[in-house]
All heavy atoms as atom14 arrays in JSON, in Angstrom:
{
  "sequence": "SRNFDSNLVLGDGKRMAVEADEFDRSFLRLEPDVAVITSADADHLD",
  "atom14_mask": [
    [1, 1, 1, 1, 1, 1, 0, 0, 0, 0, 0, 0, 0, 0],
    [1, 1, 1, 1, 1, 1, 1, 1, 1, 1, 1, 0, 0, 0],
    [1, 1, 1, 1, 1, 1, 1, 1, 0, 0, 0, 0, 0, 0],
    [1, 1, 1, 1, 1, 1, 1, 1, 1, 1, 1, 0, 0, 0],
    [1, 1, 1, 1, 1, 1, 1, 1, 0, 0, 0, 0, 0, 0],
    [1, 1, 1, 1, 1, 1, 0, 0, 0, 0, 0, 0, 0, 0],
    [1, 1, 1, 1, 1, 1, 1, 1, 0, 0, 0, 0, 0, 0],
    [1, 1, 1, 1, 1, 1, 1, 1, 0, 0, 0, 0, 0, 0],
    [1, 1, 1, 1, 1, 1, 1, 0, 0, 0, 0, 0, 0, 0],
    [1, 1, 1, 1, 1, 1, 1, 1, 0, 0, 0, 0, 0, 0],
    [1, 1, 1, 1, 0, 0, 0, 0, 0, 0, 0, 0, 0, 0],
    [1, 1, 1, 1, 1, 1, 1, 1, 0, 0, 0, 0, 0, 0],
    [1, 1, 1, 1, 0, 0, 0, 0, 0, 0, 0, 0, 0, 0],
    [1, 1, 1, 1, 1, 1, 1, 1, 1, 0, 0, 0, 0, 0],
    [1, 1, 1, 1, 1, 1, 1, 1, 1, 1, 1, 0, 0, 0],
    [1, 1, 1, 1, 1, 1, 1, 1, 0, 0, 0, 0, 0, 0],
    [1, 1, 1, 1, 1, 0, 0, 0, 0, 0, 0, 0, 0, 0],
    [1, 1, 1, 1, 1, 1, 1, 0, 0, 0, 0, 0, 0, 0],
    [1, 1, 1, 1, 1, 1, 1, 1, 1, 0, 0, 0, 0, 0],
    [1, 1, 1, 1, 1, 0, 0, 0, 0, 0, 0, 0, 0, 0],
    [1, 1, 1, 1, 1, 1, 1, 1, 0, 0, 0, 0, 0, 0],
    [1, 1, 1, 1, 1, 1, 1, 1, 1, 0, 0, 0, 0, 0],
    [1, 1, 1, 1, 1, 1, 1, 1, 1, 1, 1, 0, 0, 0],
    [1, 1, 1, 1, 1, 1, 1, 1, 0, 0, 0, 0, 0, 0],
    [1, 1, 1, 1, 1, 1, 1, 1, 1, 1, 1, 0, 0, 0],
    [1, 1, 1, 1, 1, 1, 0, 0, 0, 0, 0, 0, 0, 0],
    [1, 1, 1, 1, 1, 1, 1, 1, 1, 1, 1, 0, 0, 0],
    [1, 1, 1, 1, 1, 1, 1, 1, 0, 0, 0, 0, 0, 0],
    [1, 1, 1, 1, 1, 1, 1, 1, 1, 1, 1, 0, 0, 0],
    [1, 1, 1, 1, 1, 1, 1, 1, 0, 0, 0, 0, 0, 0],
    [1, 1, 1, 1, 1, 1, 1, 1, 1, 0, 0, 0, 0, 0],
    [1, 1, 1, 1, 1, 1, 1, 0, 0, 0, 0, 0, 0, 0],
    [1, 1, 1, 1, 1, 1, 1, 1, 0, 0, 0, 0, 0, 0],
    [1, 1, 1, 1, 1, 1, 1, 0, 0, 0, 0, 0, 0, 0],
    [1, 1, 1, 1, 1, 0, 0, 0, 0, 0, 0, 0, 0, 0],
    [1, 1, 1, 1, 1, 1, 1, 0, 0, 0, 0, 0, 0, 0],
    [1, 1, 1, 1, 1, 1, 1, 1, 0, 0, 0, 0, 0, 0],
    [1, 1, 1, 1, 1, 1, 1, 0, 0, 0, 0, 0, 0, 0],
    [1, 1, 1, 1, 1, 1, 0, 0, 0, 0, 0, 0, 0, 0],
    [1, 1, 1, 1, 1, 0, 0, 0, 0, 0, 0, 0, 0, 0],
    [1, 1, 1, 1, 1, 1, 1, 1, 0, 0, 0, 0, 0, 0],
    [1, 1, 1, 1, 1, 0, 0, 0, 0, 0, 0, 0, 0, 0],
    [1, 1, 1, 1, 1, 1, 1, 1, 0, 0, 0, 0, 0, 0],
    [1, 1, 1, 1, 1, 1, 1, 1, 1, 1, 0, 0, 0, 0],
    [1, 1, 1, 1, 1, 1, 1, 1, 0, 0, 0, 0, 0, 0],
    [1, 1, 1, 1, 1, 1, 1, 1, 0, 0, 0, 0, 0, 0]
  ],
  "atom14_positions": [
    [[-15.86, 238.68, 21.22], [-16.5, 239.79, 21.86], [-17.1, 240.67, 20.88], [-16.55, 241.04, 19.85], [-15.35, 240.59, 22.6], [-15.79, 241.88, 22.91], [0.0, 0.0, 0.0], [0.0, 0.0, 0.0], [0.0, 0.0, 0.0], [0.0, 0.0, 0.0], [0.0, 0.0, 0.0], [0.0, 0.0, 0.0], [0.0, 0.0, 0.0], [0.0, 0.0, 0.0]],
    [[-18.37, 241.14, 21.16], [-19.08, 242.03, 20.22], [-18.41, 243.45, 20.37], [-18.45, 244.2, 19.35], [-20.61, 242.11, 20.6], [-21.32, 240.86, 20.19], [-22.76, 240.99, 20.32], [-23.44, 239.94, 19.58], [-23.71, 240.05, 18.23], [-23.44, 241.14, 17.64], [-24.38, 239.03, 17.65], [0.0, 0.0, 0.0], [0.0, 0.0, 0.0], [0.0, 0.0, 0.0]],
    [[-17.91, 243.81, 21.47], [-17.28, 245.11, 21.65], [-16.02, 245.25, 20.86], [-15.68, 246.23, 20.17], [-17.03, 245.48, 23.11], [-18.35, 245.71, 23.83], [-18.81, 244.76, 24.49], [-18.89, 246.94, 23.85], [0.0, 0.0, 0.0], [0.0, 0.0, 0.0], [0.0, 0.0, 0.0], [0.0, 0.0, 0.0], [0.0, 0.0, 0.0], [0.0, 0.0, 0.0]],
    [[-15.15, 244.14, 20.91], [-13.87, 244.15, 20.29], [-13.9, 243.49, 18.92], [-12.93, 243.61, 18.16], [-12.83, 243.45, 21.13], [-12.6, 244.03, 22.47], [-12.99, 243.37, 23.65], [-11.9, 245.24, 22.59], [-12.73, 243.94, 24.9], [-11.64, 245.77, 23.84], [-12.08, 245.21, 25.0], [0.0, 0.0, 0.0], [0.0, 0.0, 0.0], [0.0, 0.0, 0.0]],
    [[-15.02, 242.82, 18.58], [-15.08, 241.94, 17.43], [-13.85, 241.07, 17.26], [-13.33, 240.93, 16.14], [-15.22, 242.92, 16.17], [-15.71, 242.1, 14.94], [-16.33, 241.07, 15.04], [-15.39, 242.48, 13.81], [0.0, 0.0, 0.0], [0.0, 0.0, 0.0], [0.0, 0.0, 0.0], [0.0, 0.0, 0.0], [0.0, 0.0, 0.0], [0.0, 0.0, 0.0]],
    [[-13.48, 240.49, 18.35], [-12.31, 239.63, 18.29], [-12.26, 238.77, 19.52], [-13.01, 238.96, 20.53], [-11.06, 240.52, 18.28], [-9.81, 239.74, 18.24], [0.0, 0.0, 0.0], [0.0, 0.0, 0.0], [0.0, 0.0, 0.0], [0.0, 0.0, 0.0], [0.0, 0.0, 0.0], [0.0, 0.0, 0.0], [0.0, 0.0, 0.0], [0.0, 0.0, 0.0]],
    [[-11.45, 237.68, 19.5], [-11.23, 236.86, 20.71], [-9.84, 237.24, 21.32], [-9.35, 236.55, 22.23], [-11.3, 235.43, 20.43], [-10.41, 234.95, 19.26], [-9.81, 235.83, 18.54], [-10.33, 233.67, 18.99], [0.0, 0.0, 0.0], [0.0, 0.0, 0.0], [0.0, 0.0, 0.0], [0.0, 0.0, 0.0], [0.0, 0.0, 0.0], [0.0, 0.0, 0.0]],
    [[-9.22, 238.25, 20.84], [-7.88, 238.7, 21.32], [-7.95, 240.18, 21.6], [-8.38, 240.96, 20.71], [-6.79, 238.37, 20.25], [-5.41, 238.98, 20.6], [-4.8, 238.23, 21.78], [-4.46, 238.72, 19.42], [0.0, 0.0, 0.0], [0.0, 0.0, 0.0], [0.0, 0.0, 0.0], [0.0, 0.0, 0.0], [0.0, 0.0, 0.0], [0.0, 0.0, 0.0]],
    [[-7.49, 240.62, 22.75], [-7.36, 242.0, 23.04], [-5.95, 242.32, 23.37], [-5.34, 241.7, 24.2], [-8.27, 242.36, 24.28], [-8.17, 243.88, 24.59], [-9.74, 241.94, 24.0], [0.0, 0.0, 0.0], [0.0, 0.0, 0.0], [0.0, 0.0, 0.0], [0.0, 0.0, 0.0], [0.0, 0.0, 0.0], [0.0, 0.0, 0.0], [0.0, 0.0, 0.0]],
    [[-5.36, 243.37, 22.7], [-4.02, 243.79, 22.96], [-4.07, 245.21, 23.5], [-4.47, 246.12, 22.85], [-3.16, 243.68, 21.68], [-3.0, 242.27, 21.05], [-2.39, 242.33, 19.72], [-2.22, 241.4, 22.05], [0.0, 0.0, 0.0], [0.0, 0.0, 0.0], [0.0, 0.0, 0.0], [0.0, 0.0, 0.0], [0.0, 0.0, 0.0], [0.0, 0.0, 0.0]],
    [[-3.57, 245.34, 24.77], [-3.6, 246.62, 25.36], [-2.43, 246.9, 26.25], [-1.68, 245.99, 26.51], [0.0, 0.0, 0.0], [0.0, 0.0, 0.0], [0.0, 0.0, 0.0], [0.0, 0.0, 0.0], [0.0, 0.0, 0.0], [0.0, 0.0, 0.0], [0.0, 0.0, 0.0], [0.0, 0.0, 0.0], [0.0, 0.0, 0.0], [0.0, 0.0, 0.0]],
    [[-2.24, 248.11, 26.72], [-1.11, 248.51, 27.54], [-1.34, 247.95, 28.94], [-2.43, 247.67, 29.42], [-0.95, 250.02, 27.54], [-0.6, 250.6, 26.16], [0.04, 249.86, 25.4], [-1.08, 251.69, 25.86], [0.0, 0.0, 0.0], [0.0, 0.0, 0.0], [0.0, 0.0, 0.0], [0.0, 0.0, 0.0], [0.0, 0.0, 0.0], [0.0, 0.0, 0.0]],
    [[-0.23, 247.94, 29.73], [-0.3, 247.59, 31.13], [-0.11, 246.15, 31.38], [-0.03, 245.3, 30.5], [0.0, 0.0, 0.0], [0.0, 0.0, 0.0], [0.0, 0.0, 0.0], [0.0, 0.0, 0.0], [0.0, 0.0, 0.0], [0.0, 0.0, 0.0], [0.0, 0.0, 0.0], [0.0, 0.0, 0.0], [0.0, 0.0, 0.0], [0.0, 0.0, 0.0]],
    [[-0.12, 245.8, 32.66], [0.22, 244.41, 33.03], [-1.03, 243.52, 33.15], [-0.89, 242.25, 33.18], [0.94, 244.48, 34.44], [2.33, 244.96, 34.43], [2.95, 244.85, 35.88], [3.11, 243.37, 36.21], [3.78, 243.13, 37.52], [0.0, 0.0, 0.0], [0.0, 0.0, 0.0], [0.0, 0.0, 0.0], [0.0, 0.0, 0.0], [0.0, 0.0, 0.0]],
    [[-2.18, 244.12, 33.19], [-3.41, 243.24, 33.36], [-3.66, 242.34, 32.1], [-3.63, 242.82, 31.02], [-4.59, 244.11, 33.6], [-4.58, 244.91, 34.88], [-5.89, 245.64, 34.99], [-5.9, 246.53, 36.19], [-6.95, 246.62, 37.02], [-8.06, 246.0, 36.79], [-6.9, 247.39, 38.11], [0.0, 0.0, 0.0], [0.0, 0.0, 0.0], [0.0, 0.0, 0.0]],
    [[-3.83, 241.08, 32.41], [-4.24, 240.14, 31.32], [-5.34, 239.23, 31.82], [-5.26, 238.48, 32.73], [-3.01, 239.25, 30.88], [-3.39, 238.29, 29.78], [-1.97, 237.34, 29.25], [-1.22, 238.55, 28.08], [0.0, 0.0, 0.0], [0.0, 0.0, 0.0], [0.0, 0.0, 0.0], [0.0, 0.0, 0.0], [0.0, 0.0, 0.0], [0.0, 0.0, 0.0]],
    [[-6.48, 239.42, 31.16], [-7.63, 238.5, 31.41], [-7.57, 237.23, 30.6], [-7.28, 237.33, 29.41], [-8.98, 239.28, 31.11], [0.0, 0.0, 0.0], [0.0, 0.0, 0.0], [0.0, 0.0, 0.0], [0.0, 0.0, 0.0], [0.0, 0.0, 0.0], [0.0, 0.0, 0.0], [0.0, 0.0, 0.0], [0.0, 0.0, 0.0], [0.0, 0.0, 0.0]],
    [[-7.77, 236.11, 31.18], [-7.54, 234.85, 30.46], [-8.71, 233.9, 30.88], [-9.09, 233.79, 32.02], [-6.27, 234.2, 30.91], [-6.09, 232.76, 30.23], [-5.1, 234.97, 30.61], [0.0, 0.0, 0.0], [0.0, 0.0, 0.0], [0.0, 0.0, 0.0], [0.0, 0.0, 0.0], [0.0, 0.0, 0.0], [0.0, 0.0, 0.0], [0.0, 0.0, 0.0]],
    [[-9.33, 233.33, 29.87], [-10.33, 232.25, 30.09], [-9.54, 230.95, 30.4], [-8.78, 230.48, 29.62], [-11.23, 232.11, 28.89], [-12.27, 231.01, 29.11], [-13.36, 231.0, 28.1], [-13.7, 232.02, 27.56], [-13.88, 229.89, 27.81], [0.0, 0.0, 0.0], [0.0, 0.0, 0.0], [0.0, 0.0, 0.0], [0.0, 0.0, 0.0], [0.0, 0.0, 0.0]],
    [[-9.8, 230.4, 31.65], [-9.02, 229.26, 32.14], [-9.87, 228.04, 31.88], [-10.89, 227.75, 32.63], [-8.74, 229.46, 33.6], [0.0, 0.0, 0.0], [0.0, 0.0, 0.0], [0.0, 0.0, 0.0], [0.0, 0.0, 0.0], [0.0, 0.0, 0.0], [0.0, 0.0, 0.0], [0.0, 0.0, 0.0], [0.0, 0.0, 0.0], [0.0, 0.0, 0.0]],
    [[-9.54, 227.22, 30.78], [-10.34, 226.12, 30.46], [-9.97, 224.94, 31.15], [-8.79, 224.46, 31.22], [-10.08, 225.92, 28.92], [-10.98, 224.88, 28.31], [-11.87, 224.38, 28.99], [-10.82, 224.57, 27.11], [0.0, 0.0, 0.0], [0.0, 0.0, 0.0], [0.0, 0.0, 0.0], [0.0, 0.0, 0.0], [0.0, 0.0, 0.0], [0.0, 0.0, 0.0]],
    [[-11.01, 224.2, 31.73], [-10.8, 223.02, 32.5], [-10.61, 221.74, 31.68], [-10.18, 220.7, 32.16], [-11.87, 222.83, 33.5], [-13.23, 222.31, 33.01], [-14.06, 223.35, 32.3], [-13.66, 224.54, 32.29], [-15.21, 223.06, 31.81], [0.0, 0.0, 0.0], [0.0, 0.0, 0.0], [0.0, 0.0, 0.0], [0.0, 0.0, 0.0], [0.0, 0.0, 0.0]],
    [[-11.04, 221.84, 30.39], [-10.84, 220.68, 29.53], [-9.43, 220.23, 29.55], [-8.48, 221.02, 29.36], [-11.27, 220.96, 28.13], [-10.99, 219.89, 27.17], [-11.75, 218.69, 27.18], [-10.09, 220.06, 26.17], [-11.47, 217.63, 26.35], [-9.84, 218.97, 25.29], [-10.54, 217.77, 25.35], [0.0, 0.0, 0.0], [0.0, 0.0, 0.0], [0.0, 0.0, 0.0]],
    [[-9.2, 218.89, 29.65], [-7.87, 218.29, 29.65], [-6.95, 218.89, 30.78], [-5.68, 218.94, 30.59], [-7.23, 218.51, 28.24], [-6.04, 217.54, 28.04], [-6.16, 216.43, 28.47], [-5.11, 217.92, 27.41], [0.0, 0.0, 0.0], [0.0, 0.0, 0.0], [0.0, 0.0, 0.0], [0.0, 0.0, 0.0], [0.0, 0.0, 0.0], [0.0, 0.0, 0.0]],
    [[-7.59, 219.5, 31.79], [-6.82, 220.17, 32.88], [-5.87, 221.35, 32.38], [-4.93, 221.62, 33.02], [-6.0, 219.07, 33.66], [-6.91, 218.04, 34.32], [-6.03, 216.99, 35.1], [-6.79, 216.1, 35.92], [-7.48, 215.06, 35.44], [-7.43, 214.77, 34.13], [-8.19, 214.31, 36.31], [0.0, 0.0, 0.0], [0.0, 0.0, 0.0], [0.0, 0.0, 0.0]],
    [[-6.34, 221.91, 31.32], [-5.46, 223.0, 30.67], [-5.22, 224.14, 31.64], [-4.18, 224.77, 31.67], [-6.12, 223.49, 29.4], [-6.11, 222.49, 28.38], [0.0, 0.0, 0.0], [0.0, 0.0, 0.0], [0.0, 0.0, 0.0], [0.0, 0.0, 0.0], [0.0, 0.0, 0.0], [0.0, 0.0, 0.0], [0.0, 0.0, 0.0], [0.0, 0.0, 0.0]],
    [[-6.25, 224.42, 32.47], [-6.1, 225.63, 33.37], [-5.03, 225.46, 34.47], [-4.63, 226.44, 35.05], [-7.43, 226.04, 33.95], [-8.08, 225.02, 34.89], [-9.16, 225.42, 35.65], [-7.73, 223.72, 34.99], [-9.83, 224.53, 36.56], [-8.35, 222.81, 35.83], [-9.41, 223.27, 36.58], [0.0, 0.0, 0.0], [0.0, 0.0, 0.0], [0.0, 0.0, 0.0]],
    [[-4.54, 224.25, 34.61], [-3.51, 224.03, 35.62], [-2.15, 224.51, 35.13], [-1.16, 224.42, 35.83], [-3.49, 222.55, 36.01], [-4.75, 222.08, 36.68], [-4.58, 220.63, 37.14], [-5.24, 222.92, 37.86], [0.0, 0.0, 0.0], [0.0, 0.0, 0.0], [0.0, 0.0, 0.0], [0.0, 0.0, 0.0], [0.0, 0.0, 0.0], [0.0, 0.0, 0.0]],
    [[-2.05, 225.0, 33.93], [-0.85, 225.62, 33.38], [-0.72, 227.07, 33.79], [0.28, 227.75, 33.62], [-0.87, 225.63, 31.85], [-0.92, 224.24, 31.28], [0.45, 223.47, 31.36], [0.43, 222.18, 30.7], [1.49, 221.35, 30.74], [2.61, 221.79, 31.17], [1.39, 220.16, 30.15], [0.0, 0.0, 0.0], [0.0, 0.0, 0.0], [0.0, 0.0, 0.0]],
    [[-1.74, 227.68, 34.38], [-1.81, 229.06, 34.75], [-1.52, 229.3, 36.26], [-1.84, 228.36, 37.08], [-3.22, 229.65, 34.48], [-3.62, 229.61, 32.99], [-5.12, 230.04, 32.91], [-2.79, 230.57, 32.19], [0.0, 0.0, 0.0], [0.0, 0.0, 0.0], [0.0, 0.0, 0.0], [0.0, 0.0, 0.0], [0.0, 0.0, 0.0], [0.0, 0.0, 0.0]],
    [[-0.91, 230.35, 36.6], [-0.7, 230.79, 37.97], [-1.24, 232.17, 38.11], [-0.46, 233.16, 38.03], [0.81, 230.68, 38.29], [1.32, 229.22, 38.22], [2.82, 229.12, 38.55], [3.38, 230.2, 38.74], [3.39, 228.03, 38.6], [0.0, 0.0, 0.0], [0.0, 0.0, 0.0], [0.0, 0.0, 0.0], [0.0, 0.0, 0.0], [0.0, 0.0, 0.0]],
    [[-2.49, 232.29, 38.36], [-3.1, 233.63, 38.35], [-2.83, 234.48, 39.61], [-2.42, 233.93, 40.61], [-4.61, 233.34, 38.28], [-4.75, 231.93, 38.69], [-3.48, 231.21, 38.49], [0.0, 0.0, 0.0], [0.0, 0.0, 0.0], [0.0, 0.0, 0.0], [0.0, 0.0, 0.0], [0.0, 0.0, 0.0], [0.0, 0.0, 0.0], [0.0, 0.0, 0.0]],
    [[-3.05, 235.75, 39.54], [-2.99, 236.6, 40.61], [-4.36, 236.81, 41.29], [-4.48, 236.92, 42.49], [-2.43, 238.03, 40.17], [-1.01, 237.96, 39.69], [-0.09, 237.89, 40.5], [-0.84, 237.85, 38.42], [0.0, 0.0, 0.0], [0.0, 0.0, 0.0], [0.0, 0.0, 0.0], [0.0, 0.0, 0.0], [0.0, 0.0, 0.0], [0.0, 0.0, 0.0]],
    [[-5.4, 236.82, 40.41], [-6.72, 236.79, 40.96], [-7.54, 235.91, 40.04], [-7.36, 235.85, 38.78], [-7.34, 238.22, 41.01], [-7.37, 238.9, 39.63], [-8.81, 238.2, 41.56], [0.0, 0.0, 0.0], [0.0, 0.0, 0.0], [0.0, 0.0, 0.0], [0.0, 0.0, 0.0], [0.0, 0.0, 0.0], [0.0, 0.0, 0.0], [0.0, 0.0, 0.0]],
    [[-8.43, 235.1, 40.64], [-9.23, 234.12, 39.79], [-10.63, 234.11, 40.19], [-10.93, 234.37, 41.4], [-8.61, 232.72, 39.93], [0.0, 0.0, 0.0], [0.0, 0.0, 0.0], [0.0, 0.0, 0.0], [0.0, 0.0, 0.0], [0.0, 0.0, 0.0], [0.0, 0.0, 0.0], [0.0, 0.0, 0.0], [0.0, 0.0, 0.0], [0.0, 0.0, 0.0]],
    [[-11.54, 233.79, 39.29], [-12.94, 233.48, 39.51], [-13.15, 232.03, 39.27], [-12.65, 231.4, 38.32], [-13.85, 234.37, 38.67], [-15.24, 233.69, 38.55], [-13.98, 235.78, 39.31], [0.0, 0.0, 0.0], [0.0, 0.0, 0.0], [0.0, 0.0, 0.0], [0.0, 0.0, 0.0], [0.0, 0.0, 0.0], [0.0, 0.0, 0.0], [0.0, 0.0, 0.0]],
    [[-13.98, 231.4, 40.09], [-14.54, 230.06, 39.77], [-16.04, 230.21, 39.74], [-16.69, 230.45, 40.77], [-14.08, 228.98, 40.73], [-12.61, 228.77, 40.7], [-14.83, 227.69, 40.48], [-12.01, 227.76, 41.72], [0.0, 0.0, 0.0], [0.0, 0.0, 0.0], [0.0, 0.0, 0.0], [0.0, 0.0, 0.0], [0.0, 0.0, 0.0], [0.0, 0.0, 0.0]],
    [[-16.62, 230.1, 38.58], [-18.03, 230.36, 38.42], [-18.88, 229.11, 38.74], [-20.06, 229.22, 39.08], [-18.37, 230.75, 36.98], [-18.07, 229.63, 36.06], [-17.6, 231.95, 36.5], [0.0, 0.0, 0.0], [0.0, 0.0, 0.0], [0.0, 0.0, 0.0], [0.0, 0.0, 0.0], [0.0, 0.0, 0.0], [0.0, 0.0, 0.0], [0.0, 0.0, 0.0]],
    [[-18.26, 227.91, 38.54], [-19.06, 226.66, 38.73], [-18.01, 225.49, 38.68], [-16.89, 225.68, 38.18], [-20.02, 226.53, 37.57], [-19.47, 226.71, 36.37], [0.0, 0.0, 0.0], [0.0, 0.0, 0.0], [0.0, 0.0, 0.0], [0.0, 0.0, 0.0], [0.0, 0.0, 0.0], [0.0, 0.0, 0.0], [0.0, 0.0, 0.0], [0.0, 0.0, 0.0]],
    [[-18.37, 224.38, 39.19], [-17.57, 223.17, 39.17], [-18.47, 221.91, 39.03], [-18.36, 220.99, 39.83], [-16.72, 223.09, 40.43], [0.0, 0.0, 0.0], [0.0, 0.0, 0.0], [0.0, 0.0, 0.0], [0.0, 0.0, 0.0], [0.0, 0.0, 0.0], [0.0, 0.0, 0.0], [0.0, 0.0, 0.0], [0.0, 0.0, 0.0], [0.0, 0.0, 0.0]],
    [[-19.29, 221.95, 37.96], [-20.27, 220.88, 37.77], [-19.62, 219.75, 37.13], [-18.5, 219.82, 36.59], [-21.37, 221.41, 36.95], [-22.22, 222.54, 37.58], [-22.38, 222.41, 38.86], [-22.64, 223.44, 36.92], [0.0, 0.0, 0.0], [0.0, 0.0, 0.0], [0.0, 0.0, 0.0], [0.0, 0.0, 0.0], [0.0, 0.0, 0.0], [0.0, 0.0, 0.0]],
    [[-20.31, 218.59, 37.06], [-19.83, 217.37, 36.42], [-19.87, 217.66, 34.95], [-20.88, 217.86, 34.22], [-20.71, 216.19, 36.76], [0.0, 0.0, 0.0], [0.0, 0.0, 0.0], [0.0, 0.0, 0.0], [0.0, 0.0, 0.0], [0.0, 0.0, 0.0], [0.0, 0.0, 0.0], [0.0, 0.0, 0.0], [0.0, 0.0, 0.0], [0.0, 0.0, 0.0]],
    [[-18.67, 217.63, 34.28], [-18.54, 217.86, 32.84], [-17.17, 217.29, 32.47], [-16.3, 217.07, 33.32], [-18.64, 219.31, 32.47], [-18.96, 219.56, 31.0], [-19.2, 218.56, 30.29], [-18.95, 220.69, 30.51], [0.0, 0.0, 0.0], [0.0, 0.0, 0.0], [0.0, 0.0, 0.0], [0.0, 0.0, 0.0], [0.0, 0.0, 0.0], [0.0, 0.0, 0.0]],
    [[-17.0, 217.05, 31.15], [-15.74, 216.43, 30.57], [-15.41, 215.19, 31.37], [-14.23, 214.86, 31.64], [-14.63, 217.42, 30.74], [-14.79, 218.73, 29.98], [-15.08, 218.82, 28.61], [-14.84, 220.03, 30.43], [-15.24, 220.08, 28.28], [-15.07, 220.84, 29.33], [0.0, 0.0, 0.0], [0.0, 0.0, 0.0], [0.0, 0.0, 0.0], [0.0, 0.0, 0.0]],
    [[-16.44, 214.39, 31.62], [-16.15, 213.13, 32.35], [-15.44, 212.16, 31.52], [-14.89, 211.17, 32.08], [-17.57, 212.52, 32.87], [-18.36, 213.42, 33.85], [-19.59, 212.7, 34.29], [-17.47, 213.83, 35.04], [0.0, 0.0, 0.0], [0.0, 0.0, 0.0], [0.0, 0.0, 0.0], [0.0, 0.0, 0.0], [0.0, 0.0, 0.0], [0.0, 0.0, 0.0]],
    [[-15.36, 212.35, 30.2], [-14.5, 211.5, 29.34], [-13.03, 211.75, 29.73], [-12.17, 210.84, 29.49], [-14.72, 211.79, 27.89], [-14.58, 213.29, 27.51], [-14.95, 214.1, 28.34], [-14.06, 213.55, 26.44], [0.0, 0.0, 0.0], [0.0, 0.0, 0.0], [0.0, 0.0, 0.0], [0.0, 0.0, 0.0], [0.0, 0.0, 0.0], [0.0, 0.0, 0.0]]
  ]
}
């Protein structure tokens, strides 16, 4: 992030924003309260 100059933000409160990576089905380890799906194109077909 250019605003934080970091890929980690540590702040107060319960809110936690997480990038949910579909590679290797990694995002299936998460159980979000609110989620966005921006796209579901053909990728990582390997």
